PDB file of N, CA and C in Angstrom:
ATOM      1  N   UNK A   1       3.307  28.840 -57.245  1.00  0.00           N
ATOM      2  CA  UNK A   1       4.689  28.420 -57.440  1.00  0.00           C
ATOM      3  C   UNK A   1       4.715  26.935 -57.765  1.00  0.00           C
ATOM      4  N   UNK A   2       5.545  26.579 -58.724  1.00  0.00           N
ATOM      5  CA  UNK A   2       5.778  25.174 -59.029  1.00  0.00           C
ATOM      6  C   UNK A   2       7.247  24.887 -58.783  1.00  0.00           C
ATOM      7  N   UNK A   3       7.492  24.060 -57.785  1.00  0.00           N
ATOM      8  CA  UNK A   3       8.862  23.748 -57.404  1.00  0.00           C
ATOM      9  C   UNK A   3       9.657  23.199 -58.577  1.00  0.00           C
ATOM     10  N   UNK A   4       9.038  22.377 -59.413  1.00  0.00           N
ATOM     11  CA  UNK A   4       9.760  21.736 -60.514  1.00  0.00           C
ATOM     12  C   UNK A   4      10.238  22.716 -61.579  1.00  0.00           C
ATOM     13  N   UNK A   5       9.615  23.872 -61.689  1.00  0.00           N
ATOM     14  CA  UNK A   5      10.043  24.830 -62.717  1.00  0.00           C
ATOM     15  C   UNK A   5      10.628  26.113 -62.146  1.00  0.00           C
ATOM     16  N   UNK A   6      10.283  26.461 -60.917  1.00  0.00           N
ATOM     17  CA  UNK A   6      10.743  27.726 -60.347  1.00  0.00           C
ATOM     18  C   UNK A   6      12.084  27.632 -59.630  1.00  0.00           C
ATOM     19  N   UNK A   7      12.418  26.463 -59.154  1.00  0.00           N
ATOM     20  CA  UNK A   7      13.628  26.285 -58.347  1.00  0.00           C
ATOM     21  C   UNK A   7      14.428  25.114 -58.901  1.00  0.00           C
ATOM     22  N   UNK A   8      15.736  25.308 -59.007  1.00  0.00           N
ATOM     23  CA  UNK A   8      16.583  24.184 -59.439  1.00  0.00           C
ATOM     24  C   UNK A   8      17.962  24.276 -58.793  1.00  0.00           C
ATOM     25  N   UNK A   9      18.650  23.173 -58.843  1.00  0.00           N
ATOM     26  CA  UNK A   9      19.984  23.056 -58.264  1.00  0.00           C
ATOM     27  C   UNK A   9      21.000  23.571 -59.289  1.00  0.00           C
ATOM     28  N   UNK A  10      21.771  24.567 -58.926  1.00  0.00           N
ATOM     29  CA  UNK A  10      22.741  25.162 -59.850  1.00  0.00           C
ATOM     30  C   UNK A  10      23.774  24.149 -60.323  1.00  0.00           C
ATOM     31  N   UNK A  11      24.069  23.150 -59.508  1.00  0.00           N
ATOM     32  CA  UNK A  11      25.029  22.131 -59.917  1.00  0.00           C
ATOM     33  C   UNK A  11      24.547  21.362 -61.146  1.00  0.00           C
ATOM     34  N   UNK A  12      23.225  21.271 -61.345  1.00  0.00           N
ATOM     35  CA  UNK A  12      22.712  20.603 -62.547  1.00  0.00           C
ATOM     36  C   UNK A  12      23.227  21.313 -63.795  1.00  0.00           C
ATOM     37  N   UNK A  13      23.187  22.638 -63.787  1.00  0.00           N
ATOM     38  CA  UNK A  13      23.686  23.408 -64.926  1.00  0.00           C
ATOM     39  C   UNK A  13      25.177  23.178 -65.134  1.00  0.00           C
ATOM     40  N   UNK A  14      25.931  23.181 -64.040  1.00  0.00           N
ATOM     41  CA  UNK A  14      27.378  22.975 -64.168  1.00  0.00           C
ATOM     42  C   UNK A  14      27.696  21.590 -64.731  1.00  0.00           C
ATOM     43  N   UNK A  15      26.934  20.585 -64.322  1.00  0.00           N
ATOM     44  CA  UNK A  15      27.156  19.228 -64.833  1.00  0.00           C
ATOM     45  C   UNK A  15      26.827  19.177 -66.329  1.00  0.00           C
ATOM     46  N   UNK A  16      25.701  19.740 -66.722  1.00  0.00           N
ATOM     47  CA  UNK A  16      25.308  19.754 -68.139  1.00  0.00           C
ATOM     48  C   UNK A  16      26.327  20.538 -68.963  1.00  0.00           C
ATOM     49  N   UNK A  17      26.800  21.661 -68.447  1.00  0.00           N
ATOM     50  CA  UNK A  17      27.824  22.443 -69.156  1.00  0.00           C
ATOM     51  C   UNK A  17      29.105  21.628 -69.347  1.00  0.00           C
ATOM     52  N   UNK A  18      29.510  20.884 -68.313  1.00  0.00           N
ATOM     53  CA  UNK A  18      30.716  20.058 -68.403  1.00  0.00           C
ATOM     54  C   UNK A  18      30.536  18.972 -69.465  1.00  0.00           C
ATOM     55  N   UNK A  19      29.382  18.332 -69.461  1.00  0.00           N
ATOM     56  CA  UNK A  19      29.103  17.276 -70.438  1.00  0.00           C
ATOM     57  C   UNK A  19      29.184  17.835 -71.855  1.00  0.00           C
ATOM     58  N   UNK A  20      28.552  18.983 -72.077  1.00  0.00           N
ATOM     59  CA  UNK A  20      28.565  19.595 -73.407  1.00  0.00           C
ATOM     60  C   UNK A  20      29.971  20.037 -73.809  1.00  0.00           C
ATOM     61  N   UNK A  21      30.673  20.701 -72.910  1.00  0.00           N
ATOM     62  CA  UNK A  21      32.017  21.212 -73.218  1.00  0.00           C
ATOM     63  C   UNK A  21      32.988  20.086 -73.553  1.00  0.00           C
ATOM     64  N   UNK A  22      32.852  18.964 -72.865  1.00  0.00           N
ATOM     65  CA  UNK A  22      33.767  17.836 -73.077  1.00  0.00           C
ATOM     66  C   UNK A  22      33.207  16.787 -74.032  1.00  0.00           C
ATOM     67  N   UNK A  23      32.080  17.108 -74.660  1.00  0.00           N
ATOM     68  CA  UNK A  23      31.458  16.261 -75.680  1.00  0.00           C
ATOM     69  C   UNK A  23      31.210  14.826 -75.202  1.00  0.00           C
ATOM     70  N   UNK A  24      30.860  14.697 -73.920  1.00  0.00           N
ATOM     71  CA  UNK A  24      30.561  13.373 -73.392  1.00  0.00           C
ATOM     72  C   UNK A  24      29.301  12.796 -74.025  1.00  0.00           C
ATOM     73  N   UNK A  25      28.419  13.667 -74.525  1.00  0.00           N
ATOM     74  CA  UNK A  25      27.202  13.197 -75.186  1.00  0.00           C
ATOM     75  C   UNK A  25      27.493  12.564 -76.541  1.00  0.00           C
ATOM     76  N   UNK A  26      28.678  12.809 -77.105  1.00  0.00           N
ATOM     77  CA  UNK A  26      29.103  12.118 -78.327  1.00  0.00           C
ATOM     78  C   UNK A  26      29.647  10.727 -78.019  1.00  0.00           C
ATOM     79  N   UNK A  27      30.170  10.566 -76.821  1.00  0.00           N
ATOM     80  CA  UNK A  27      30.824   9.311 -76.444  1.00  0.00           C
ATOM     81  C   UNK A  27      29.870   8.327 -75.763  1.00  0.00           C
ATOM     82  N   UNK A  28      28.881   8.845 -75.020  1.00  0.00           N
ATOM     83  CA  UNK A  28      27.985   7.995 -74.232  1.00  0.00           C
ATOM     84  C   UNK A  28      26.534   8.233 -74.646  1.00  0.00           C
ATOM     85  N   UNK A  29      25.701   7.206 -74.508  1.00  0.00           N
ATOM     86  CA  UNK A  29      24.284   7.357 -74.842  1.00  0.00           C
ATOM     87  C   UNK A  29      23.525   8.046 -73.703  1.00  0.00           C
ATOM     88  N   UNK A  30      22.272   8.394 -73.987  1.00  0.00           N
ATOM     89  CA  UNK A  30      21.461   9.147 -73.027  1.00  0.00           C
ATOM     90  C   UNK A  30      21.234   8.388 -71.722  1.00  0.00           C
ATOM     91  N   UNK A  31      21.036   7.093 -71.788  1.00  0.00           N
ATOM     92  CA  UNK A  31      20.820   6.289 -70.580  1.00  0.00           C
ATOM     93  C   UNK A  31      22.054   6.334 -69.678  1.00  0.00           C
ATOM     94  N   UNK A  32      23.218   6.162 -70.279  1.00  0.00           N
ATOM     95  CA  UNK A  32      24.473   6.208 -69.528  1.00  0.00           C
ATOM     96  C   UNK A  32      24.631   7.573 -68.872  1.00  0.00           C
ATOM     97  N   UNK A  33      24.398   8.643 -69.652  1.00  0.00           N
ATOM     98  CA  UNK A  33      24.580  10.000 -69.119  1.00  0.00           C
ATOM     99  C   UNK A  33      23.584  10.315 -68.012  1.00  0.00           C
ATOM    100  N   UNK A  34      22.347   9.841 -68.138  1.00  0.00           N
ATOM    101  CA  UNK A  34      21.358  10.079 -67.084  1.00  0.00           C
ATOM    102  C   UNK A  34      21.788   9.398 -65.792  1.00  0.00           C
ATOM    103  N   UNK A  35      22.248   8.149 -65.888  1.00  0.00           N
ATOM    104  CA  UNK A  35      22.734   7.443 -64.700  1.00  0.00           C
ATOM    105  C   UNK A  35      23.949   8.154 -64.114  1.00  0.00           C
ATOM    106  N   UNK A  36      24.858   8.583 -64.990  1.00  0.00           N
ATOM    107  CA  UNK A  36      26.060   9.273 -64.533  1.00  0.00           C
ATOM    108  C   UNK A  36      25.690  10.569 -63.811  1.00  0.00           C
ATOM    109  N   UNK A  37      24.733  11.328 -64.360  1.00  0.00           N
ATOM    110  CA  UNK A  37      24.315  12.588 -63.728  1.00  0.00           C
ATOM    111  C   UNK A  37      23.759  12.336 -62.333  1.00  0.00           C
ATOM    112  N   UNK A  38      22.998  11.279 -62.171  1.00  0.00           N
ATOM    113  CA  UNK A  38      22.469  10.957 -60.841  1.00  0.00           C
ATOM    114  C   UNK A  38      23.605  10.680 -59.865  1.00  0.00           C
ATOM    115  N   UNK A  39      24.581   9.902 -60.296  1.00  0.00           N
ATOM    116  CA  UNK A  39      25.727   9.582 -59.435  1.00  0.00           C
ATOM    117  C   UNK A  39      26.502  10.857 -59.099  1.00  0.00           C
ATOM    118  N   UNK A  40      26.730  11.685 -60.098  1.00  0.00           N
ATOM    119  CA  UNK A  40      27.482  12.929 -59.905  1.00  0.00           C
ATOM    120  C   UNK A  40      26.750  13.862 -58.951  1.00  0.00           C
ATOM    121  N   UNK A  41      25.476  14.113 -59.200  1.00  0.00           N
ATOM    122  CA  UNK A  41      24.726  15.068 -58.380  1.00  0.00           C
ATOM    123  C   UNK A  41      24.561  14.582 -56.951  1.00  0.00           C
ATOM    124  N   UNK A  42      24.541  13.286 -56.740  1.00  0.00           N
ATOM    125  CA  UNK A  42      24.459  12.766 -55.373  1.00  0.00           C
ATOM    126  C   UNK A  42      25.766  12.960 -54.605  1.00  0.00           C
ATOM    127  N   UNK A  43      26.862  13.200 -55.311  1.00  0.00           N
ATOM    128  CA  UNK A  43      28.149  13.458 -54.662  1.00  0.00           C
ATOM    129  C   UNK A  43      28.325  14.931 -54.290  1.00  0.00           C
ATOM    130  N   UNK A  44      27.546  15.808 -54.904  1.00  0.00           N
ATOM    131  CA  UNK A  44      27.740  17.254 -54.765  1.00  0.00           C
ATOM    132  C   UNK A  44      26.750  17.866 -53.782  1.00  0.00           C
ATOM    133  N   UNK A  45      27.136  18.984 -53.174  1.00  0.00           N
ATOM    134  CA  UNK A  45      26.176  19.684 -52.305  1.00  0.00           C
ATOM    135  C   UNK A  45      25.081  20.319 -53.171  1.00  0.00           C
ATOM    136  N   UNK A  46      24.014  20.727 -52.544  1.00  0.00           N
ATOM    137  CA  UNK A  46      22.936  21.416 -53.262  1.00  0.00           C
ATOM    138  C   UNK A  46      23.174  22.919 -53.224  1.00  0.00           C
ATOM    139  N   UNK A  47      22.826  23.569 -54.313  1.00  0.00           N
ATOM    140  CA  UNK A  47      22.912  25.034 -54.399  1.00  0.00           C
ATOM    141  C   UNK A  47      21.684  25.482 -55.183  1.00  0.00           C
ATOM    142  N   UNK A  48      20.570  25.653 -54.467  1.00  0.00           N
ATOM    143  CA  UNK A  48      19.306  25.950 -55.123  1.00  0.00           C
ATOM    144  C   UNK A  48      19.181  27.421 -55.466  1.00  0.00           C
ATOM    145  N   UNK A  49      18.663  27.665 -56.678  1.00  0.00           N
ATOM    146  CA  UNK A  49      18.475  29.028 -57.171  1.00  0.00           C
ATOM    147  C   UNK A  49      17.141  29.114 -57.901  1.00  0.00           C
ATOM    148  N   UNK A  50      16.719  30.341 -58.125  1.00  0.00           N
ATOM    149  CA  UNK A  50      15.523  30.567 -58.945  1.00  0.00           C
ATOM    150  C   UNK A  50      15.918  31.056 -60.328  1.00  0.00           C
ATOM    151  N   UNK A  51      16.956  31.887 -60.416  1.00  0.00           N
ATOM    152  CA  UNK A  51      17.326  32.510 -61.691  1.00  0.00           C
ATOM    153  C   UNK A  51      18.837  32.394 -61.913  1.00  0.00           C
ATOM    154  N   UNK A  52      19.202  32.028 -63.122  1.00  0.00           N
ATOM    155  CA  UNK A  52      20.628  31.932 -63.480  1.00  0.00           C
ATOM    156  C   UNK A  52      21.360  33.250 -63.233  1.00  0.00           C
ATOM    157  N   UNK A  53      20.719  34.340 -63.533  1.00  0.00           N
ATOM    158  CA  UNK A  53      21.361  35.643 -63.397  1.00  0.00           C
ATOM    159  C   UNK A  53      21.782  35.903 -61.954  1.00  0.00           C
ATOM    160  N   UNK A  54      21.054  35.348 -60.999  1.00  0.00           N
ATOM    161  CA  UNK A  54      21.439  35.513 -59.595  1.00  0.00           C
ATOM    162  C   UNK A  54      22.832  34.949 -59.349  1.00  0.00           C
ATOM    163  N   UNK A  55      23.095  33.772 -59.877  1.00  0.00           N
ATOM    164  CA  UNK A  55      24.399  33.143 -59.673  1.00  0.00           C
ATOM    165  C   UNK A  55      25.481  33.880 -60.448  1.00  0.00           C
ATOM    166  N   UNK A  56      25.170  34.288 -61.649  1.00  0.00           N
ATOM    167  CA  UNK A  56      26.163  34.996 -62.461  1.00  0.00           C
ATOM    168  C   UNK A  56      26.575  36.309 -61.803  1.00  0.00           C
ATOM    169  N   UNK A  57      25.632  36.975 -61.164  1.00  0.00           N
ATOM    170  CA  UNK A  57      25.908  38.283 -60.581  1.00  0.00           C
ATOM    171  C   UNK A  57      26.514  38.199 -59.179  1.00  0.00           C
ATOM    172  N   UNK A  58      26.036  37.260 -58.371  1.00  0.00           N
ATOM    173  CA  UNK A  58      26.419  37.230 -56.953  1.00  0.00           C
ATOM    174  C   UNK A  58      27.503  36.210 -56.593  1.00  0.00           C
ATOM    175  N   UNK A  59      27.786  35.266 -57.464  1.00  0.00           N
ATOM    176  CA  UNK A  59      28.748  34.218 -57.140  1.00  0.00           C
ATOM    177  C   UNK A  59      30.180  34.704 -57.372  1.00  0.00           C
ATOM    178  N   UNK A  60      30.999  34.725 -56.326  1.00  0.00           N
ATOM    179  CA  UNK A  60      32.401  35.124 -56.521  1.00  0.00           C
ATOM    180  C   UNK A  60      33.119  34.133 -57.448  1.00  0.00           C
ATOM    181  N   UNK A  61      34.053  34.645 -58.208  1.00  0.00           N
ATOM    182  CA  UNK A  61      34.790  33.823 -59.179  1.00  0.00           C
ATOM    183  C   UNK A  61      35.477  32.631 -58.514  1.00  0.00           C
ATOM    184  N   UNK A  62      36.045  32.842 -57.344  1.00  0.00           N
ATOM    185  CA  UNK A  62      36.733  31.751 -56.645  1.00  0.00           C
ATOM    186  C   UNK A  62      35.759  30.636 -56.271  1.00  0.00           C
ATOM    187  N   UNK A  63      34.559  31.000 -55.853  1.00  0.00           N
ATOM    188  CA  UNK A  63      33.564  29.985 -55.490  1.00  0.00           C
ATOM    189  C   UNK A  63      33.081  29.233 -56.728  1.00  0.00           C
ATOM    190  N   UNK A  64      32.888  29.957 -57.827  1.00  0.00           N
ATOM    191  CA  UNK A  64      32.483  29.289 -59.077  1.00  0.00           C
ATOM    192  C   UNK A  64      33.563  28.301 -59.520  1.00  0.00           C
ATOM    193  N   UNK A  65      34.820  28.707 -59.444  1.00  0.00           N
ATOM    194  CA  UNK A  65      35.916  27.818 -59.822  1.00  0.00           C
ATOM    195  C   UNK A  65      35.909  26.566 -58.949  1.00  0.00           C
ATOM    196  N   UNK A  66      35.704  26.733 -57.652  1.00  0.00           N
ATOM    197  CA  UNK A  66      35.660  25.589 -56.734  1.00  0.00           C
ATOM    198  C   UNK A  66      34.500  24.659 -57.090  1.00  0.00           C
ATOM    199  N   UNK A  67      33.356  25.228 -57.427  1.00  0.00           N
ATOM    200  CA  UNK A  67      32.206  24.418 -57.812  1.00  0.00           C
ATOM    201  C   UNK A  67      32.504  23.632 -59.097  1.00  0.00           C
ATOM    202  N   UNK A  68      33.148  24.277 -60.054  1.00  0.00           N
ATOM    203  CA  UNK A  68      33.501  23.602 -61.307  1.00  0.00           C
ATOM    204  C   UNK A  68      34.496  22.472 -61.055  1.00  0.00           C
ATOM    205  N   UNK A  69      35.429  22.682 -60.138  1.00  0.00           N
ATOM    206  CA  UNK A  69      36.383  21.629 -59.780  1.00  0.00           C
ATOM    207  C   UNK A  69      35.662  20.448 -59.133  1.00  0.00           C
ATOM    208  N   UNK A  70      34.718  20.728 -58.266  1.00  0.00           N
ATOM    209  CA  UNK A  70      33.947  19.662 -57.628  1.00  0.00           C
ATOM    210  C   UNK A  70      33.192  18.849 -58.677  1.00  0.00           C
ATOM    211  N   UNK A  71      32.631  19.529 -59.668  1.00  0.00           N
ATOM    212  CA  UNK A  71      31.905  18.842 -60.745  1.00  0.00           C
ATOM    213  C   UNK A  71      32.858  17.954 -61.533  1.00  0.00           C
ATOM    214  N   UNK A  72      33.999  18.500 -61.904  1.00  0.00           N
ATOM    215  CA  UNK A  72      34.972  17.726 -62.690  1.00  0.00           C
ATOM    216  C   UNK A  72      35.413  16.475 -61.928  1.00  0.00           C
ATOM    217  N   UNK A  73      35.697  16.610 -60.651  1.00  0.00           N
ATOM    218  CA  UNK A  73      36.131  15.463 -59.854  1.00  0.00           C
ATOM    219  C   UNK A  73      35.003  14.444 -59.685  1.00  0.00           C
ATOM    220  N   UNK A  74      33.776  14.915 -59.455  1.00  0.00           N
ATOM    221  CA  UNK A  74      32.638  14.008 -59.292  1.00  0.00           C
ATOM    222  C   UNK A  74      32.352  13.257 -60.586  1.00  0.00           C
ATOM    223  N   UNK A  75      32.467  13.930 -61.722  1.00  0.00           N
ATOM    224  CA  UNK A  75      32.261  13.261 -63.006  1.00  0.00           C
ATOM    225  C   UNK A  75      33.350  12.227 -63.240  1.00  0.00           C
ATOM    226  N   UNK A  76      34.574  12.551 -62.910  1.00  0.00           N
ATOM    227  CA  UNK A  76      35.667  11.585 -63.047  1.00  0.00           C
ATOM    228  C   UNK A  76      35.417  10.328 -62.232  1.00  0.00           C
ATOM    229  N   UNK A  77      34.987  10.506 -60.981  1.00  0.00           N
ATOM    230  CA  UNK A  77      34.684   9.346 -60.127  1.00  0.00           C
ATOM    231  C   UNK A  77      33.513   8.540 -60.675  1.00  0.00           C
ATOM    232  N   UNK A  78      32.480   9.234 -61.142  1.00  0.00           N
ATOM    233  CA  UNK A  78      31.298   8.548 -61.672  1.00  0.00           C
ATOM    234  C   UNK A  78      31.644   7.760 -62.929  1.00  0.00           C
ATOM    235  N   UNK A  79      32.417   8.353 -63.826  1.00  0.00           N
ATOM    236  CA  UNK A  79      32.807   7.646 -65.048  1.00  0.00           C
ATOM    237  C   UNK A  79      33.661   6.425 -64.726  1.00  0.00           C
ATOM    238  N   UNK A  80      34.572   6.574 -63.800  1.00  0.00           N
ATOM    239  CA  UNK A  80      35.408   5.450 -63.391  1.00  0.00           C
ATOM    240  C   UNK A  80      34.543   4.319 -62.831  1.00  0.00           C
ATOM    241  N   UNK A  81      33.600   4.664 -61.964  1.00  0.00           N
ATOM    242  CA  UNK A  81      32.706   3.681 -61.371  1.00  0.00           C
ATOM    243  C   UNK A  81      31.860   2.994 -62.440  1.00  0.00           C
ATOM    244  N   UNK A  82      31.243   3.783 -63.314  1.00  0.00           N
ATOM    245  CA  UNK A  82      30.351   3.209 -64.317  1.00  0.00           C
ATOM    246  C   UNK A  82      31.104   2.388 -65.352  1.00  0.00           C
ATOM    247  N   UNK A  83      32.257   2.841 -65.770  1.00  0.00           N
ATOM    248  CA  UNK A  83      33.042   2.075 -66.736  1.00  0.00           C
ATOM    249  C   UNK A  83      33.549   0.775 -66.128  1.00  0.00           C
ATOM    250  N   UNK A  84      33.905   0.778 -64.855  1.00  0.00           N
ATOM    251  CA  UNK A  84      34.370  -0.459 -64.218  1.00  0.00           C
ATOM    252  C   UNK A  84      33.227  -1.460 -64.093  1.00  0.00           C
ATOM    253  N   UNK A  85      32.014  -0.976 -63.852  1.00  0.00           N
ATOM    254  CA  UNK A  85      30.851  -1.866 -63.762  1.00  0.00           C
ATOM    255  C   UNK A  85      30.506  -2.452 -65.135  1.00  0.00           C
ATOM    256  N   UNK A  86      30.623  -1.652 -66.187  1.00  0.00           N
ATOM    257  CA  UNK A  86      30.343  -2.153 -67.539  1.00  0.00           C
ATOM    258  C   UNK A  86      31.366  -3.208 -67.945  1.00  0.00           C
ATOM    259  N   UNK A  87      32.615  -3.001 -67.549  1.00  0.00           N
ATOM    260  CA  UNK A  87      33.654  -3.967 -67.898  1.00  0.00           C
ATOM    261  C   UNK A  87      33.453  -5.300 -67.186  1.00  0.00           C
ATOM    262  N   UNK A  88      32.846  -5.275 -65.990  1.00  0.00           N
ATOM    263  CA  UNK A  88      32.592  -6.503 -65.250  1.00  0.00           C
ATOM    264  C   UNK A  88      31.420  -7.283 -65.835  1.00  0.00           C
ATOM    265  N   UNK A  89      30.510  -6.571 -66.496  1.00  0.00           N
ATOM    266  CA  UNK A  89      29.322  -7.236 -67.045  1.00  0.00           C
ATOM    267  C   UNK A  89      29.619  -7.769 -68.369  1.00  0.00           C
TER     268      UNK A  89
END
């Protein structure tokens, strides 16, 4: 078993999906997005999985919606924090 490839945090997928859906990768460079992802993921709980299909099949819709809301709010806070720091520099 290799931990780095066999197990991952499901919130990582939700964050990447949010970035892609909202085209944040068109607005910000890779360095900014990597820093933002670290800030966002540190705000969220961990939800470790081995296979995406496990979450798709077993995750209730209400829980998925709550997780997506947590991601949206964490990204909003991270962007606010990072943009305020850039404006000060």
